[in-house]
Amino acid sequence: LSSAHGVEAYARVFTPMAACERCLNRAWSALVDGHPA
């Protein structure tokens, strides 16, 4: 994406994508710790 559209487009897409990844990691961690909700 950054090669084709530049750093600004990359940042607009992958900043929220990084937040998505962090939330999924937190979801996994919470489940392992016994907090399914």
All heavy atoms as atom14 arrays in JSON, in Angstrom:
{
  "sequence": "LSSAHGVEAYARVFTPMAACERCLNRAWSALVDGHPA",
  "atom14_mask": [
    [1, 1, 1, 1, 1, 1, 1, 1, 0, 0, 0, 0, 0, 0],
    [1, 1, 1, 1, 1, 1, 0, 0, 0, 0, 0, 0, 0, 0],
    [1, 1, 1, 1, 1, 1, 0, 0, 0, 0, 0, 0, 0, 0],
    [1, 1, 1, 1, 1, 0, 0, 0, 0, 0, 0, 0, 0, 0],
    [1, 1, 1, 1, 1, 1, 1, 1, 1, 1, 0, 0, 0, 0],
    [1, 1, 1, 1, 0, 0, 0, 0, 0, 0, 0, 0, 0, 0],
    [1, 1, 1, 1, 1, 1, 1, 0, 0, 0, 0, 0, 0, 0],
    [1, 1, 1, 1, 1, 1, 1, 1, 1, 0, 0, 0, 0, 0],
    [1, 1, 1, 1, 1, 0, 0, 0, 0, 0, 0, 0, 0, 0],
    [1, 1, 1, 1, 1, 1, 1, 1, 1, 1, 1, 1, 0, 0],
    [1, 1, 1, 1, 1, 0, 0, 0, 0, 0, 0, 0, 0, 0],
    [1, 1, 1, 1, 1, 1, 1, 1, 1, 1, 1, 0, 0, 0],
    [1, 1, 1, 1, 1, 1, 1, 0, 0, 0, 0, 0, 0, 0],
    [1, 1, 1, 1, 1, 1, 1, 1, 1, 1, 1, 0, 0, 0],
    [1, 1, 1, 1, 1, 1, 1, 0, 0, 0, 0, 0, 0, 0],
    [1, 1, 1, 1, 1, 1, 1, 0, 0, 0, 0, 0, 0, 0],
    [1, 1, 1, 1, 1, 1, 1, 1, 0, 0, 0, 0, 0, 0],
    [1, 1, 1, 1, 1, 0, 0, 0, 0, 0, 0, 0, 0, 0],
    [1, 1, 1, 1, 1, 0, 0, 0, 0, 0, 0, 0, 0, 0],
    [1, 1, 1, 1, 1, 1, 0, 0, 0, 0, 0, 0, 0, 0],
    [1, 1, 1, 1, 1, 1, 1, 1, 1, 0, 0, 0, 0, 0],
    [1, 1, 1, 1, 1, 1, 1, 1, 1, 1, 1, 0, 0, 0],
    [1, 1, 1, 1, 1, 1, 0, 0, 0, 0, 0, 0, 0, 0],
    [1, 1, 1, 1, 1, 1, 1, 1, 0, 0, 0, 0, 0, 0],
    [1, 1, 1, 1, 1, 1, 1, 1, 0, 0, 0, 0, 0, 0],
    [1, 1, 1, 1, 1, 1, 1, 1, 1, 1, 1, 0, 0, 0],
    [1, 1, 1, 1, 1, 0, 0, 0, 0, 0, 0, 0, 0, 0],
    [1, 1, 1, 1, 1, 1, 1, 1, 1, 1, 1, 1, 1, 1],
    [1, 1, 1, 1, 1, 1, 0, 0, 0, 0, 0, 0, 0, 0],
    [1, 1, 1, 1, 1, 0, 0, 0, 0, 0, 0, 0, 0, 0],
    [1, 1, 1, 1, 1, 1, 1, 1, 0, 0, 0, 0, 0, 0],
    [1, 1, 1, 1, 1, 1, 1, 0, 0, 0, 0, 0, 0, 0],
    [1, 1, 1, 1, 1, 1, 1, 1, 0, 0, 0, 0, 0, 0],
    [1, 1, 1, 1, 0, 0, 0, 0, 0, 0, 0, 0, 0, 0],
    [1, 1, 1, 1, 1, 1, 1, 1, 1, 1, 0, 0, 0, 0],
    [1, 1, 1, 1, 1, 1, 1, 0, 0, 0, 0, 0, 0, 0],
    [1, 1, 1, 1, 1, 0, 0, 0, 0, 0, 0, 0, 0, 0]
  ],
  "atom14_positions": [
    [[0.83, -1.21, 0.0], [0.0, 0.0, 0.0], [0.85, 1.25, 0.0], [0.61, 2.18, -0.77], [-0.94, 0.0, 1.21], [-1.89, 1.19, 1.3], [-2.84, 1.21, 0.11], [-2.67, 1.14, 2.59], [0.0, 0.0, 0.0], [0.0, 0.0, 0.0], [0.0, 0.0, 0.0], [0.0, 0.0, 0.0], [0.0, 0.0, 0.0], [0.0, 0.0, 0.0]],
    [[1.88, 1.3, 0.83], [2.7, 2.51, 0.88], [3.49, 2.69, -0.41], [3.71, 3.81, -0.85], [3.65, 2.48, 2.08], [4.58, 1.45, 1.97], [0.0, 0.0, 0.0], [0.0, 0.0, 0.0], [0.0, 0.0, 0.0], [0.0, 0.0, 0.0], [0.0, 0.0, 0.0], [0.0, 0.0, 0.0], [0.0, 0.0, 0.0], [0.0, 0.0, 0.0]],
    [[3.89, 1.6, -1.06], [4.61, 1.72, -2.32], [3.71, 2.26, -3.42], [4.15, 3.03, -4.27], [5.16, 0.36, -2.75], [6.12, -0.09, -1.84], [0.0, 0.0, 0.0], [0.0, 0.0, 0.0], [0.0, 0.0, 0.0], [0.0, 0.0, 0.0], [0.0, 0.0, 0.0], [0.0, 0.0, 0.0], [0.0, 0.0, 0.0], [0.0, 0.0, 0.0]],
    [[2.46, 1.87, -3.39], [1.54, 2.29, -4.45], [0.9, 3.65, -4.21], [0.67, 4.41, -5.14], [0.44, 1.23, -4.63], [0.0, 0.0, 0.0], [0.0, 0.0, 0.0], [0.0, 0.0, 0.0], [0.0, 0.0, 0.0], [0.0, 0.0, 0.0], [0.0, 0.0, 0.0], [0.0, 0.0, 0.0], [0.0, 0.0, 0.0], [0.0, 0.0, 0.0]],
    [[0.58, 3.96, -2.95], [-0.2, 5.17, -2.65], [0.49, 6.15, -1.71], [-0.09, 7.18, -1.4], [-1.56, 4.79, -2.08], [-2.44, 4.09, -3.06], [-3.05, 4.72, -4.11], [-2.78, 2.78, -3.17], [-3.74, 3.86, -4.81], [-3.59, 2.67, -4.26], [0.0, 0.0, 0.0], [0.0, 0.0, 0.0], [0.0, 0.0, 0.0], [0.0, 0.0, 0.0]],
    [[1.66, 5.81, -1.21], [2.4, 6.74, -0.36], [2.14, 6.53, 1.12], [1.29, 5.76, 1.55], [0.0, 0.0, 0.0], [0.0, 0.0, 0.0], [0.0, 0.0, 0.0], [0.0, 0.0, 0.0], [0.0, 0.0, 0.0], [0.0, 0.0, 0.0], [0.0, 0.0, 0.0], [0.0, 0.0, 0.0], [0.0, 0.0, 0.0], [0.0, 0.0, 0.0]],
    [[2.9, 7.27, 1.9], [2.89, 7.12, 3.35], [1.58, 7.58, 3.97], [1.09, 7.0, 4.93], [4.09, 7.88, 3.96], [4.08, 7.8, 5.47], [5.39, 7.33, 3.42], [0.0, 0.0, 0.0], [0.0, 0.0, 0.0], [0.0, 0.0, 0.0], [0.0, 0.0, 0.0], [0.0, 0.0, 0.0], [0.0, 0.0, 0.0], [0.0, 0.0, 0.0]],
    [[0.98, 8.63, 3.42], [-0.27, 9.14, 4.0], [-1.39, 8.11, 3.91], [-2.1, 7.86, 4.89], [-0.69, 10.44, 3.31], [-1.89, 11.07, 3.96], [-2.28, 12.38, 3.29], [-1.46, 12.97, 2.58], [-3.43, 12.79, 3.51], [0.0, 0.0, 0.0], [0.0, 0.0, 0.0], [0.0, 0.0, 0.0], [0.0, 0.0, 0.0], [0.0, 0.0, 0.0]],
    [[-1.54, 7.49, 2.75], [-2.57, 6.44, 2.59], [-2.25, 5.26, 3.49], [-3.15, 4.68, 4.12], [-2.65, 6.01, 1.13], [0.0, 0.0, 0.0], [0.0, 0.0, 0.0], [0.0, 0.0, 0.0], [0.0, 0.0, 0.0], [0.0, 0.0, 0.0], [0.0, 0.0, 0.0], [0.0, 0.0, 0.0], [0.0, 0.0, 0.0], [0.0, 0.0, 0.0]],
    [[-0.99, 4.91, 3.57], [-0.56, 3.81, 4.45], [-0.96, 4.11, 5.89], [-1.52, 3.26, 6.58], [0.95, 3.64, 4.33], [1.56, 2.75, 5.38], [1.53, 1.37, 5.24], [2.16, 3.29, 6.52], [2.09, 0.56, 6.21], [2.71, 2.48, 7.48], [2.67, 1.11, 7.32], [3.22, 0.31, 8.28], [0.0, 0.0, 0.0], [0.0, 0.0, 0.0]],
    [[-0.7, 5.32, 6.36], [-1.02, 5.69, 7.74], [-2.53, 5.68, 7.99], [-2.99, 5.24, 9.04], [-0.43, 7.05, 8.07], [0.0, 0.0, 0.0], [0.0, 0.0, 0.0], [0.0, 0.0, 0.0], [0.0, 0.0, 0.0], [0.0, 0.0, 0.0], [0.0, 0.0, 0.0], [0.0, 0.0, 0.0], [0.0, 0.0, 0.0], [0.0, 0.0, 0.0]],
    [[-3.3, 6.16, 7.01], [-4.76, 6.19, 7.18], [-5.35, 4.79, 7.31], [-6.32, 4.58, 8.02], [-5.42, 6.92, 6.02], [-5.36, 8.42, 6.13], [-6.32, 9.11, 5.17], [-6.3, 8.58, 3.82], [-5.56, 9.09, 2.83], [-4.8, 10.14, 3.03], [-5.6, 8.54, 1.63], [0.0, 0.0, 0.0], [0.0, 0.0, 0.0], [0.0, 0.0, 0.0]],
    [[-4.77, 3.82, 6.62], [-5.28, 2.45, 6.66], [-4.67, 1.66, 7.82], [-5.39, 0.97, 8.56], [-5.01, 1.72, 5.31], [-5.36, 0.24, 5.41], [-5.8, 2.39, 4.19], [0.0, 0.0, 0.0], [0.0, 0.0, 0.0], [0.0, 0.0, 0.0], [0.0, 0.0, 0.0], [0.0, 0.0, 0.0], [0.0, 0.0, 0.0], [0.0, 0.0, 0.0]],
    [[-3.37, 1.75, 8.0], [-2.73, 0.85, 8.95], [-2.66, 1.37, 10.38], [-2.35, 0.6, 11.29], [-1.36, 0.4, 8.44], [-1.5, -0.73, 7.47], [-1.57, -0.51, 6.11], [-1.63, -2.03, 7.94], [-1.76, -1.55, 5.22], [-1.8, -3.08, 7.06], [-1.87, -2.85, 5.7], [0.0, 0.0, 0.0], [0.0, 0.0, 0.0], [0.0, 0.0, 0.0]],
    [[-3.03, 2.61, 10.62], [-3.17, 3.05, 12.02], [-4.38, 2.36, 12.65], [-4.25, 1.73, 13.71], [-3.26, 4.58, 12.11], [-2.04, 5.13, 11.61], [-3.5, 5.03, 13.53], [0.0, 0.0, 0.0], [0.0, 0.0, 0.0], [0.0, 0.0, 0.0], [0.0, 0.0, 0.0], [0.0, 0.0, 0.0], [0.0, 0.0, 0.0], [0.0, 0.0, 0.0]],
    [[-5.57, 2.4, 12.02], [-6.68, 1.64, 12.61], [-6.48, 0.12, 12.52], [-6.94, -0.62, 13.38], [-7.91, 2.09, 11.81], [-7.43, 2.83, 10.65], [-6.03, 3.25, 10.9], [0.0, 0.0, 0.0], [0.0, 0.0, 0.0], [0.0, 0.0, 0.0], [0.0, 0.0, 0.0], [0.0, 0.0, 0.0], [0.0, 0.0, 0.0], [0.0, 0.0, 0.0]],
    [[-5.73, -0.35, 11.5], [-5.47, -1.78, 11.41], [-4.61, -2.23, 12.59], [-4.81, -3.33, 13.13], [-4.78, -2.1, 10.08], [-4.55, -3.57, 9.84], [-6.1, -4.47, 9.77], [-5.52, -6.11, 10.13], [0.0, 0.0, 0.0], [0.0, 0.0, 0.0], [0.0, 0.0, 0.0], [0.0, 0.0, 0.0], [0.0, 0.0, 0.0], [0.0, 0.0, 0.0]],
    [[-3.67, -1.4, 13.0], [-2.85, -1.73, 14.17], [-3.71, -1.77, 15.43], [-3.52, -2.64, 16.3], [-1.72, -0.72, 14.33], [0.0, 0.0, 0.0], [0.0, 0.0, 0.0], [0.0, 0.0, 0.0], [0.0, 0.0, 0.0], [0.0, 0.0, 0.0], [0.0, 0.0, 0.0], [0.0, 0.0, 0.0], [0.0, 0.0, 0.0], [0.0, 0.0, 0.0]],
    [[-4.67, -0.86, 15.53], [-5.58, -0.88, 16.67], [-6.44, -2.14, 16.66], [-6.7, -2.74, 17.7], [-6.47, 0.37, 16.66], [0.0, 0.0, 0.0], [0.0, 0.0, 0.0], [0.0, 0.0, 0.0], [0.0, 0.0, 0.0], [0.0, 0.0, 0.0], [0.0, 0.0, 0.0], [0.0, 0.0, 0.0], [0.0, 0.0, 0.0], [0.0, 0.0, 0.0]],
    [[-6.84, -2.57, 15.48], [-7.6, -3.81, 15.33], [-6.77, -5.0, 15.84], [-7.27, -5.83, 16.6], [-7.99, -4.01, 13.86], [-8.64, -5.65, 13.48], [0.0, 0.0, 0.0], [0.0, 0.0, 0.0], [0.0, 0.0, 0.0], [0.0, 0.0, 0.0], [0.0, 0.0, 0.0], [0.0, 0.0, 0.0], [0.0, 0.0, 0.0], [0.0, 0.0, 0.0]],
    [[-5.53, -5.04, 15.42], [-4.66, -6.14, 15.84], [-4.48, -6.13, 17.37], [-4.53, -7.18, 18.02], [-3.31, -6.03, 15.14], [-2.36, -7.16, 15.47], [-1.01, -7.01, 14.8], [-0.71, -5.92, 14.26], [-0.25, -7.99, 14.83], [0.0, 0.0, 0.0], [0.0, 0.0, 0.0], [0.0, 0.0, 0.0], [0.0, 0.0, 0.0], [0.0, 0.0, 0.0]],
    [[-4.28, -4.95, 17.94], [-4.13, -4.85, 19.4], [-5.39, -5.33, 20.11], [-5.32, -6.04, 21.12], [-3.8, -3.42, 19.82], [-2.37, -3.02, 19.58], [-2.03, -1.7, 20.26], [-2.88, -0.6, 19.87], [-2.69, 0.17, 18.8], [-1.65, -0.05, 18.01], [-3.5, 1.16, 18.53], [0.0, 0.0, 0.0], [0.0, 0.0, 0.0], [0.0, 0.0, 0.0]],
    [[-6.55, -4.96, 19.61], [-7.81, -5.4, 20.23], [-7.97, -6.92, 20.14], [-8.44, -7.56, 21.09], [-9.01, -4.71, 19.57], [-9.18, -2.98, 20.04], [0.0, 0.0, 0.0], [0.0, 0.0, 0.0], [0.0, 0.0, 0.0], [0.0, 0.0, 0.0], [0.0, 0.0, 0.0], [0.0, 0.0, 0.0], [0.0, 0.0, 0.0], [0.0, 0.0, 0.0]],
    [[-7.57, -7.5, 19.02], [-7.64, -8.96, 18.91], [-6.69, -9.63, 19.9], [-7.03, -10.66, 20.5], [-7.34, -9.41, 17.48], [-8.43, -9.15, 16.46], [-7.96, -9.5, 15.05], [-9.69, -9.94, 16.82], [0.0, 0.0, 0.0], [0.0, 0.0, 0.0], [0.0, 0.0, 0.0], [0.0, 0.0, 0.0], [0.0, 0.0, 0.0], [0.0, 0.0, 0.0]],
    [[-5.51, -9.05, 20.07], [-4.58, -9.6, 21.06], [-5.16, -9.47, 22.47], [-5.03, -10.39, 23.28], [-3.22, -8.9, 20.98], [-2.41, -9.37, 19.79], [-2.4, -10.55, 19.46], [-1.74, -8.44, 19.13], [0.0, 0.0, 0.0], [0.0, 0.0, 0.0], [0.0, 0.0, 0.0], [0.0, 0.0, 0.0], [0.0, 0.0, 0.0], [0.0, 0.0, 0.0]],
    [[-5.8, -8.35, 22.75], [-6.44, -8.17, 24.05], [-7.58, -9.17, 24.23], [-7.81, -9.69, 25.33], [-6.97, -6.75, 24.21], [-5.9, -5.73, 24.44], [-6.54, -4.36, 24.72], [-5.57, -3.32, 24.49], [-5.71, -2.32, 23.64], [-6.83, -2.18, 22.95], [-4.77, -1.42, 23.49], [0.0, 0.0, 0.0], [0.0, 0.0, 0.0], [0.0, 0.0, 0.0]],
    [[-8.34, -9.4, 23.16], [-9.45, -10.35, 23.22], [-8.93, -11.75, 23.56], [-9.5, -12.44, 24.42], [-10.21, -10.37, 21.9], [0.0, 0.0, 0.0], [0.0, 0.0, 0.0], [0.0, 0.0, 0.0], [0.0, 0.0, 0.0], [0.0, 0.0, 0.0], [0.0, 0.0, 0.0], [0.0, 0.0, 0.0], [0.0, 0.0, 0.0], [0.0, 0.0, 0.0]],
    [[-7.88, -12.15, 22.93], [-7.28, -13.45, 23.21], [-6.8, -13.51, 24.66], [-7.06, -14.48, 25.38], [-6.13, -13.73, 22.24], [-5.51, -15.06, 22.46], [-5.91, -16.25, 21.9], [-4.4, -15.36, 23.3], [-5.11, -17.26, 22.35], [-4.17, -16.75, 23.21], [-3.58, -14.6, 24.11], [-3.15, -17.38, 23.9], [-2.55, -15.24, 24.8], [-2.35, -16.61, 24.7]],
    [[-6.1, -12.47, 25.08], [-5.56, -12.43, 26.44], [-6.68, -12.47, 27.48], [-6.59, -13.18, 28.49], [-4.71, -11.17, 26.61], [-4.17, -11.11, 27.9], [0.0, 0.0, 0.0], [0.0, 0.0, 0.0], [0.0, 0.0, 0.0], [0.0, 0.0, 0.0], [0.0, 0.0, 0.0], [0.0, 0.0, 0.0], [0.0, 0.0, 0.0], [0.0, 0.0, 0.0]],
    [[-7.75, -11.71, 27.25], [-8.87, -11.69, 28.19], [-9.51, -13.07, 28.28], [-9.88, -13.53, 29.37], [-9.9, -10.65, 27.77], [0.0, 0.0, 0.0], [0.0, 0.0, 0.0], [0.0, 0.0, 0.0], [0.0, 0.0, 0.0], [0.0, 0.0, 0.0], [0.0, 0.0, 0.0], [0.0, 0.0, 0.0], [0.0, 0.0, 0.0], [0.0, 0.0, 0.0]],
    [[-9.62, -13.74, 27.16], [-10.23, -15.07, 27.15], [-9.35, -16.07, 27.91], [-9.86, -16.88, 28.69], [-10.45, -15.52, 25.72], [-11.38, -16.7, 25.52], [-12.73, -16.41, 26.14], [-11.53, -17.0, 24.05], [0.0, 0.0, 0.0], [0.0, 0.0, 0.0], [0.0, 0.0, 0.0], [0.0, 0.0, 0.0], [0.0, 0.0, 0.0], [0.0, 0.0, 0.0]],
    [[-8.06, -16.0, 27.68], [-7.14, -16.89, 28.39], [-7.18, -16.63, 29.89], [-7.06, -17.55, 30.7], [-5.71, -16.73, 27.82], [-4.69, -17.43, 28.69], [-5.64, -17.26, 26.4], [0.0, 0.0, 0.0], [0.0, 0.0, 0.0], [0.0, 0.0, 0.0], [0.0, 0.0, 0.0], [0.0, 0.0, 0.0], [0.0, 0.0, 0.0], [0.0, 0.0, 0.0]],
    [[-7.39, -15.37, 30.27], [-7.46, -15.02, 31.69], [-8.84, -15.29, 32.29], [-9.07, -14.99, 33.47], [-7.11, -13.54, 31.88], [-5.64, -13.26, 31.65], [-4.84, -14.22, 31.66], [-5.28, -12.08, 31.47], [0.0, 0.0, 0.0], [0.0, 0.0, 0.0], [0.0, 0.0, 0.0], [0.0, 0.0, 0.0], [0.0, 0.0, 0.0], [0.0, 0.0, 0.0]],
    [[-9.76, -15.83, 31.49], [-11.06, -16.2, 32.02], [-12.11, -15.1, 32.01], [-13.02, -15.1, 32.84], [0.0, 0.0, 0.0], [0.0, 0.0, 0.0], [0.0, 0.0, 0.0], [0.0, 0.0, 0.0], [0.0, 0.0, 0.0], [0.0, 0.0, 0.0], [0.0, 0.0, 0.0], [0.0, 0.0, 0.0], [0.0, 0.0, 0.0], [0.0, 0.0, 0.0]],
    [[-12.0, -14.17, 31.07], [-12.97, -13.07, 30.97], [-13.59, -13.05, 29.57], [-13.26, -12.19, 28.74], [-12.28, -11.74, 31.26], [-11.61, -11.69, 32.6], [-12.31, -11.55, 33.77], [-10.3, -11.79, 32.95], [-11.48, -11.56, 34.79], [-10.25, -11.71, 34.31], [0.0, 0.0, 0.0], [0.0, 0.0, 0.0], [0.0, 0.0, 0.0], [0.0, 0.0, 0.0]],
    [[-14.51, -13.98, 29.3], [-15.07, -14.07, 27.94], [-15.87, -12.83, 27.54], [-15.87, -12.46, 26.36], [-15.96, -15.31, 27.99], [-16.19, -15.58, 29.43], [-15.03, -15.01, 30.18], [0.0, 0.0, 0.0], [0.0, 0.0, 0.0], [0.0, 0.0, 0.0], [0.0, 0.0, 0.0], [0.0, 0.0, 0.0], [0.0, 0.0, 0.0], [0.0, 0.0, 0.0]],
    [[-16.54, -12.17, 28.48], [-17.3, -10.96, 28.12], [-16.36, -9.86, 27.63], [-16.64, -9.18, 26.63], [-18.13, -10.48, 29.31], [0.0, 0.0, 0.0], [0.0, 0.0, 0.0], [0.0, 0.0, 0.0], [0.0, 0.0, 0.0], [0.0, 0.0, 0.0], [0.0, 0.0, 0.0], [0.0, 0.0, 0.0], [0.0, 0.0, 0.0], [0.0, 0.0, 0.0]]
  ]
}
